[in-house]
């Protein structure tokens, strides 16, 4: 967990299968006391591959 300033108070980075992560997010969100935003992140290798596809 990282504490931040600006639009977000903190950032939590987790790893898991897509299904497990979504189930945890839905369970936490259903409690009504937090809001979340899921963002796709890329490793340096992945982003280099994506950039190499640019014309």
Protein backbone atom coordinates (compact mmCIF):
# COMPACT_ATOMS: atom_id res chain seq x y z
CA UNK A 1 0.00 0.00 0.00
CA UNK A 2 1.28 3.46 -0.91
CA UNK A 3 -0.08 6.68 0.55
CA UNK A 4 -0.53 9.39 -2.06
CA UNK A 5 -1.68 12.96 -2.50
CA UNK A 6 -3.95 14.31 -5.20
CA UNK A 7 -6.97 12.51 -6.57
CA UNK A 8 -6.22 9.31 -4.65
CA UNK A 9 -5.46 8.91 -0.94
CA UNK A 10 -3.70 5.60 -1.33
CA UNK A 11 -2.82 2.96 -3.87
CA UNK A 12 -2.91 -0.76 -3.15
CA UNK A 13 -1.02 -3.05 -5.50
CA UNK A 14 -2.09 -6.68 -5.51
CA UNK A 15 -1.42 -9.69 -7.67
CA UNK A 16 -3.70 -12.62 -8.30
CA UNK A 17 -5.78 -14.31 -10.91
CA UNK A 18 -8.23 -12.02 -12.67
CA UNK A 19 -11.17 -13.87 -11.11
CA UNK A 20 -9.81 -13.70 -7.56
CA UNK A 21 -8.94 -10.02 -7.86
CA UNK A 22 -12.37 -9.16 -9.24
CA UNK A 23 -14.15 -11.16 -6.53
CA UNK A 24 -12.17 -9.35 -3.81
CA UNK A 25 -12.87 -5.97 -5.41
CA UNK A 26 -16.59 -6.66 -5.71
CA UNK A 27 -16.80 -7.88 -2.11
CA UNK A 28 -15.00 -4.81 -0.78
CA UNK A 29 -17.04 -2.43 -2.94
CA UNK A 30 -20.33 -4.03 -1.92
CA UNK A 31 -19.68 -2.97 1.69
CA UNK A 32 -20.29 0.62 0.57
CA UNK A 33 -17.48 2.29 2.49
CA UNK A 34 -14.83 2.39 -0.24
CA UNK A 35 -14.65 3.23 -3.90
CA UNK A 36 -12.10 1.70 -6.18
CA UNK A 37 -10.72 1.99 -9.66
CA UNK A 38 -9.01 -0.89 -11.40
CA UNK A 39 -6.14 0.00 -13.68
CA UNK A 40 -4.18 -2.25 -16.01
CA UNK A 41 -0.44 -1.96 -15.40
CA UNK A 42 2.36 -3.06 -17.73
CA UNK A 43 5.85 -4.28 -16.93
CA UNK A 44 8.75 -2.60 -18.69
CA UNK A 45 8.99 -5.60 -21.04
CA UNK A 46 5.29 -5.43 -21.89
CA UNK A 47 5.31 -1.68 -22.54
CA UNK A 48 8.43 -1.97 -24.71
CA UNK A 49 6.63 -4.57 -26.82
CA UNK A 50 3.59 -2.28 -27.14
CA UNK A 51 5.77 0.69 -28.11
CA UNK A 52 7.54 -1.42 -30.74
CA UNK A 53 4.16 -1.95 -32.45
CA UNK A 54 3.74 1.80 -33.03
CA UNK A 55 4.17 2.93 -36.64
